[in-house]
Amino acid sequence: MSEHKTSQLDPRVDPRDIHLIVLSGLSGGGKTVALRALEDLEFYCVDNLPSALLPQLVNAVIEGSGSQKHQRIAVGVDVRNRSVDFTQMPTVLSGLAAAGVQVHLIFLDCRDEVLIKRYSETRRRHPLAAQGLSLADAIAEERRLLRPLMGIAEKVIDSSDLNVHQLRRLVATGYAQATEGLTLMFESFAFRRGLPLDADFVFDARCLPNPHWQAHLRPLSGKDAPVREFLDSEPLVGEYFADTAHWLDKWLPRFEQDDRSYLTVSIGCTGGRHRSVYLVEKLAAHYRDHRQGVLTFHRELE
């Protein structure tokens, strides 16, 4: 059935324009973070899909988006899937690749001691804990089950020493070629916790009215409607946004002409919760209206 389906791709779409990324790896290794980064890059994302349904998913996405040039699909596969999925996956992916689909398999690895620490800090249960295994034994069994996927992975990412932002950037940078043009990361941060080390441009929003001094707004963030309404009502905030967007509109094309594929714009305020978060969300929405590959990251919120 899989071979039949993959041979029936929509004739309006060149299979070479279809990018299918399969994300797998150890539980706690960062698959959800990586999938979210691809979702921000406008991939159609599905988590925990059986391997036998991959060809049908590819066709369904193609049919649903018509003759759109670039079809971007990302699928998460982990130990929650049936064990037969891990042995069937190489055959299914080979069939899709033979049909012309650009297939990529990313495997997220992590050292055992780091995984154990992450589970201890978050108090999450390992998916295999229901089998009565200790955490260490569950991780060992998961490694055994996922070995067929790790063996054929195009890229193995060790997330042991990566924070959330670094992992998101690594995934987005590595697969930005599946989008058109420059990939933009807008990041909020708190100046009191230091500048982001990977920022290309830094804007300081500490001169703007601060919602922190409004008692009812203090526990909220720039993503919440009351804070947005407060900042929307401030003329100075509107001027700051307009000037920042105008500067970026002028200079981003120059970086694209220089073959840059990824650029980080960081906006900071005192606590990294209100003004910077608001501006990052507003700028991201502005650029998503007319370009692909726009990411957001709120360092202090995450």
Protein backbone atom coordinates (compact mmCIF):
# COMPACT_ATOMS: atom_id res chain seq x y z
CA MET A 1 0.00 0.00 0.00
CA SER A 2 2.80 2.43 0.85
CA GLU A 3 4.49 2.06 -2.54
CA HIS A 4 1.19 2.60 -4.32
CA LYS A 5 0.43 5.71 -2.34
CA THR A 6 3.84 7.29 -2.78
CA SER A 7 3.59 6.84 -6.53
CA GLN A 8 0.31 8.79 -6.60
CA LEU A 9 1.68 12.19 -5.59
CA ASP A 10 -0.20 15.23 -6.79
CA PRO A 11 1.13 15.91 -10.34
CA ARG A 12 1.01 19.67 -9.74
CA VAL A 13 3.77 19.35 -7.14
CA ASP A 14 7.36 18.44 -7.90
CA PRO A 15 8.30 15.77 -5.29
CA ARG A 16 11.65 17.50 -4.88
CA ASP A 17 9.79 20.45 -3.33
CA ILE A 18 8.29 18.23 -0.61
CA HIS A 19 10.33 18.20 2.60
CA LEU A 20 9.43 15.49 5.11
CA ILE A 21 11.30 15.61 8.41
CA VAL A 22 10.91 12.70 10.82
CA LEU A 23 11.93 13.60 14.37
CA SER A 24 12.75 10.78 16.74
CA GLY A 25 14.88 10.24 19.80
CA LEU A 26 14.91 9.57 23.50
CA SER A 27 12.09 10.82 25.70
CA GLY A 28 13.34 13.98 27.38
CA GLY A 29 15.87 14.59 24.61
CA GLY A 30 14.07 17.62 23.15
CA LYS A 31 11.80 16.23 20.43
CA THR A 32 8.91 18.49 21.45
CA VAL A 33 11.17 21.55 21.34
CA ALA A 34 12.49 20.58 17.91
CA LEU A 35 8.98 19.91 16.60
CA ARG A 36 7.87 23.33 17.85
CA ALA A 37 10.79 24.99 16.04
CA LEU A 38 9.73 23.33 12.79
CA GLU A 39 6.12 24.33 13.40
CA ASP A 40 7.31 27.95 13.68
CA LEU A 41 8.98 27.43 10.29
CA GLU A 42 5.48 26.61 8.97
CA PHE A 43 5.96 22.87 8.74
CA TYR A 44 2.75 20.84 9.02
CA CYS A 45 3.52 18.96 12.24
CA VAL A 46 2.07 15.68 13.52
CA ASP A 47 3.28 13.89 16.64
CA ASN A 48 3.28 10.14 17.31
CA LEU A 49 2.12 9.03 13.85
CA PRO A 50 2.35 5.32 12.88
CA SER A 51 4.92 4.79 10.13
CA ALA A 52 2.40 3.06 7.84
CA LEU A 53 0.41 6.30 7.65
CA LEU A 54 3.30 8.49 6.49
CA PRO A 55 2.58 8.11 2.74
CA GLN A 56 -1.09 8.93 3.31
CA LEU A 57 -0.12 12.00 5.36
CA VAL A 58 2.17 13.25 2.58
CA ASN A 59 -0.63 12.94 0.04
CA ALA A 60 -3.21 14.50 2.36
CA VAL A 61 -1.03 17.57 2.98
CA ILE A 62 -0.33 17.94 -0.74
CA GLU A 63 -4.00 17.67 -1.63
CA GLY A 64 -4.97 20.10 1.11
CA SER A 65 -2.54 22.81 -0.02
CA GLY A 66 -2.99 22.46 -3.79
CA SER A 67 -0.15 23.67 -5.99
CA GLN A 68 1.73 25.56 -3.27
CA LYS A 69 5.38 25.30 -4.22
CA HIS A 70 6.95 24.10 -0.99
CA GLN A 71 5.29 21.39 1.08
CA ARG A 72 6.86 21.06 4.54
CA ILE A 73 5.88 18.21 6.84
CA ALA A 74 7.36 17.18 10.19
CA VAL A 75 6.42 14.01 12.06
CA GLY A 76 7.37 13.01 15.58
CA VAL A 77 8.09 9.34 16.26
CA ASP A 78 9.06 8.04 19.68
CA VAL A 79 8.75 5.09 22.01
CA ARG A 80 4.99 5.66 22.33
CA ASN A 81 4.69 4.24 18.81
CA ARG A 82 4.33 0.50 18.34
CA SER A 83 7.65 -1.35 18.13
CA VAL A 84 6.79 -2.49 14.59
CA ASP A 85 6.93 1.17 13.52
CA PHE A 86 10.65 1.31 14.24
CA THR A 87 11.41 -1.66 12.01
CA GLN A 88 9.04 -0.54 9.22
CA MET A 89 10.20 3.08 9.16
CA PRO A 90 13.33 2.54 6.99
CA THR A 91 11.22 0.83 4.29
CA VAL A 92 8.53 3.53 4.38
CA LEU A 93 11.07 6.36 4.18
CA SER A 94 12.92 4.63 1.35
CA GLY A 95 9.67 4.40 -0.62
CA LEU A 96 8.98 8.10 -0.16
CA ALA A 97 12.55 9.01 -1.12
CA ALA A 98 12.28 6.84 -4.22
CA ALA A 99 9.18 8.82 -5.22
CA GLY A 100 11.24 12.01 -5.06
CA VAL A 101 10.29 13.35 -1.62
CA GLN A 102 13.10 15.14 0.27
CA VAL A 103 13.22 12.89 3.35
CA HIS A 104 15.21 13.81 6.48
CA LEU A 105 15.44 11.83 9.71
CA ILE A 106 16.70 13.65 12.82
CA PHE A 107 17.49 11.67 15.96
CA LEU A 108 17.73 13.48 19.32
CA ASP A 109 20.14 11.73 21.65
CA CYS A 110 21.09 12.61 25.22
CA ARG A 111 23.35 11.17 27.91
CA ASP A 112 21.64 8.96 30.47
CA GLU A 113 22.66 11.04 33.48
CA VAL A 114 21.23 14.20 31.87
CA LEU A 115 17.95 12.44 31.06
CA ILE A 116 17.67 11.19 34.64
CA LYS A 117 18.28 14.72 35.94
CA ARG A 118 15.65 16.18 33.57
CA TYR A 119 13.06 13.64 34.69
CA SER A 120 13.91 14.34 38.31
CA GLU A 121 13.54 18.10 37.84
CA THR A 122 10.26 17.93 35.90
CA ARG A 123 8.82 14.95 37.82
CA ARG A 124 7.53 13.51 34.57
CA ARG A 125 7.00 9.78 34.14
CA HIS A 126 8.95 7.98 31.45
CA PRO A 127 6.63 6.46 28.78
CA LEU A 128 7.96 2.99 29.61
CA ALA A 129 7.50 3.39 33.37
CA ALA A 130 4.11 1.69 33.10
CA GLN A 131 5.96 -1.56 32.37
CA GLY A 132 7.34 -1.51 35.91
CA LEU A 133 10.86 -0.52 34.84
CA SER A 134 13.14 1.76 36.80
CA LEU A 135 14.02 5.03 35.06
CA ALA A 136 17.52 3.81 34.17
CA ASP A 137 16.13 0.54 32.79
CA ALA A 138 13.40 2.38 30.87
CA ILE A 139 16.01 4.57 29.17
CA ALA A 140 18.09 1.50 28.29
CA GLU A 141 15.05 -0.26 26.81
CA GLU A 142 14.11 2.87 24.87
CA ARG A 143 17.61 3.01 23.37
CA ARG A 144 17.23 -0.61 22.25
CA LEU A 145 13.83 0.01 20.64
CA LEU A 146 14.96 3.14 18.81
CA ARG A 147 18.26 1.73 17.56
CA PRO A 148 16.91 1.06 14.01
CA LEU A 149 15.96 4.75 13.62
CA MET A 150 19.21 6.09 15.05
CA GLY A 151 21.11 3.86 12.64
CA ILE A 152 19.57 5.50 9.55
CA ALA A 153 19.35 9.07 10.85
CA GLU A 154 20.62 11.82 8.57
CA LYS A 155 21.60 13.81 11.64
CA VAL A 156 22.05 12.81 15.30
CA ILE A 157 21.82 15.75 17.70
CA ASP A 158 23.14 15.30 21.23
CA SER A 159 21.04 17.68 23.34
CA SER A 160 22.87 16.92 26.61
CA ASP A 161 24.62 20.30 26.77
CA LEU A 162 22.07 22.37 24.84
CA ASN A 163 19.48 24.67 26.33
CA VAL A 164 16.05 25.09 24.76
CA HIS A 165 17.06 28.11 22.68
CA GLN A 166 20.23 26.48 21.36
CA LEU A 167 18.33 23.35 20.30
CA ARG A 168 15.62 25.38 18.55
CA ARG A 169 18.24 27.39 16.70
CA LEU A 170 20.22 24.28 15.73
CA VAL A 171 17.15 22.60 14.24
CA ALA A 172 15.91 25.74 12.51
CA THR A 173 19.32 26.60 11.07
CA GLY A 174 19.91 23.08 9.82
CA TYR A 175 16.60 22.93 7.96
CA ALA A 176 16.09 26.56 6.97
CA GLN A 177 16.71 25.49 3.35
CA ALA A 178 13.22 24.02 3.40
CA THR A 179 11.88 27.57 3.63
CA GLU A 180 12.24 30.47 1.24
CA GLY A 181 14.60 33.28 2.23
CA LEU A 182 16.09 34.29 5.54
CA THR A 183 14.92 32.58 8.74
CA LEU A 184 14.25 35.14 11.49
CA MET A 185 14.44 34.44 15.21
CA PHE A 186 12.90 37.10 17.47
CA GLU A 187 14.02 36.64 21.07
CA SER A 188 13.01 38.43 24.27
CA PHE A 189 15.34 38.59 27.27
CA ALA A 190 16.10 40.40 30.55
CA PHE A 191 19.11 42.70 30.60
CA ARG A 192 19.66 41.87 34.26
CA ARG A 193 20.43 38.27 33.23
CA GLY A 194 22.87 39.24 30.50
CA LEU A 195 22.80 39.56 26.73
CA PRO A 196 21.99 36.52 24.55
CA LEU A 197 25.30 35.22 23.26
CA ASP A 198 24.00 34.42 19.79
CA ALA A 199 22.15 37.70 19.10
CA ASP A 200 22.87 39.39 15.77
CA PHE A 201 20.99 42.58 16.71
CA VAL A 202 19.97 43.82 20.17
CA PHE A 203 17.25 46.39 20.82
CA ASP A 204 16.73 47.96 24.26
CA ALA A 205 13.08 48.45 25.28
CA ARG A 206 13.78 49.65 28.83
CA CYS A 207 12.91 53.22 27.83
CA LEU A 208 9.25 52.26 27.31
CA PRO A 209 6.42 52.45 29.89
CA ASN A 210 6.70 49.41 32.15
CA PRO A 211 3.59 47.28 32.91
CA HIS A 212 5.48 45.92 35.92
CA TRP A 213 4.43 48.99 37.89
CA GLN A 214 0.75 48.18 37.37
CA ALA A 215 -0.12 45.74 40.16
CA HIS A 216 -2.73 43.83 38.15
CA LEU A 217 -0.31 43.41 35.21
CA ARG A 218 2.78 42.41 37.16
CA PRO A 219 2.14 38.63 37.26
CA LEU A 220 1.21 38.54 33.55
CA SER A 221 3.44 38.56 30.46
CA GLY A 222 3.53 40.39 27.15
CA LYS A 223 1.54 37.51 25.62
CA ASP A 224 -1.50 38.28 27.80
CA ALA A 225 -4.28 40.51 26.51
CA PRO A 226 -4.31 43.04 29.42
CA VAL A 227 -0.58 43.72 28.96
CA ARG A 228 -0.99 44.01 25.19
CA GLU A 229 -3.85 46.47 25.66
CA PHE A 230 -1.79 48.55 28.09
CA LEU A 231 1.18 48.75 25.71
CA ASP A 232 -1.03 49.28 22.64
CA SER A 233 -2.41 52.40 24.33
CA GLU A 234 1.05 53.94 24.79
CA PRO A 235 2.09 56.16 21.80
CA LEU A 236 5.78 55.74 22.63
CA VAL A 237 5.47 51.97 22.28
CA GLY A 238 3.84 52.36 18.87
CA GLU A 239 6.67 54.64 17.73
CA TYR A 240 9.28 52.19 18.99
CA PHE A 241 7.67 49.28 17.14
CA ALA A 242 7.29 51.28 13.91
CA ASP A 243 10.92 52.49 13.99
CA THR A 244 12.25 49.00 14.72
CA ALA A 245 10.18 47.40 11.95
CA HIS A 246 11.24 50.16 9.52
CA TRP A 247 14.93 49.56 10.30
CA LEU A 248 14.56 45.80 9.85
CA ASP A 249 12.56 46.25 6.63
CA LYS A 250 15.41 48.32 5.24
CA TRP A 251 18.33 46.09 6.22
CA LEU A 252 17.03 42.50 6.16
CA PRO A 253 17.15 42.36 2.33
CA ARG A 254 20.85 43.25 2.47
CA PHE A 255 21.54 40.25 4.71
CA GLU A 256 19.52 38.00 2.41
CA GLN A 257 21.61 39.21 -0.54
CA ASP A 258 24.67 38.21 1.48
CA ASP A 259 23.34 34.61 1.56
CA ARG A 260 22.56 34.66 5.27
CA SER A 261 20.12 31.88 6.13
CA TYR A 262 19.47 32.70 9.81
CA LEU A 263 19.39 35.91 11.85
CA THR A 264 18.51 36.55 15.50
CA VAL A 265 16.92 39.82 16.62
CA SER A 266 16.94 40.15 20.41
CA ILE A 267 14.81 42.64 22.33
CA GLY A 268 15.47 43.19 26.00
CA CYS A 269 13.78 44.91 28.91
CA THR A 270 14.42 44.85 32.65
CA GLY A 271 12.68 41.58 33.56
CA GLY A 272 12.13 40.05 30.13
CA ARG A 273 8.42 39.45 30.79
CA HIS A 274 6.38 42.39 29.49
CA ARG A 275 7.77 44.93 27.02
CA SER A 276 10.29 42.69 25.28
CA VAL A 277 7.82 39.78 25.00
CA TYR A 278 5.14 42.10 23.61
CA LEU A 279 7.48 43.53 20.98
CA VAL A 280 8.81 40.12 19.94
CA GLU A 281 5.28 38.78 19.43
CA LYS A 282 4.22 41.91 17.55
CA LEU A 283 7.27 41.88 15.26
CA ALA A 284 6.91 38.15 14.59
CA ALA A 285 3.24 38.62 13.63
CA HIS A 286 4.21 41.53 11.37
CA TYR A 287 6.80 39.49 9.47
CA ARG A 288 4.75 36.30 9.29
CA ASP A 289 2.28 38.22 7.16
CA HIS A 290 4.70 38.34 4.25
CA ARG A 291 7.57 35.89 4.81
CA GLN A 292 8.27 32.32 5.87
CA GLY A 293 10.56 31.10 8.60
CA VAL A 294 9.79 33.39 11.55
CA LEU A 295 10.58 31.99 15.01
CA THR A 296 10.05 33.37 18.51
CA PHE A 297 11.77 32.55 21.78
CA HIS A 298 11.16 34.09 25.21
CA ARG A 299 14.24 33.31 27.24
CA GLU A 300 12.92 34.29 30.66
CA LEU A 301 9.45 32.77 30.16
CA GLU A 302 10.86 29.41 29.06
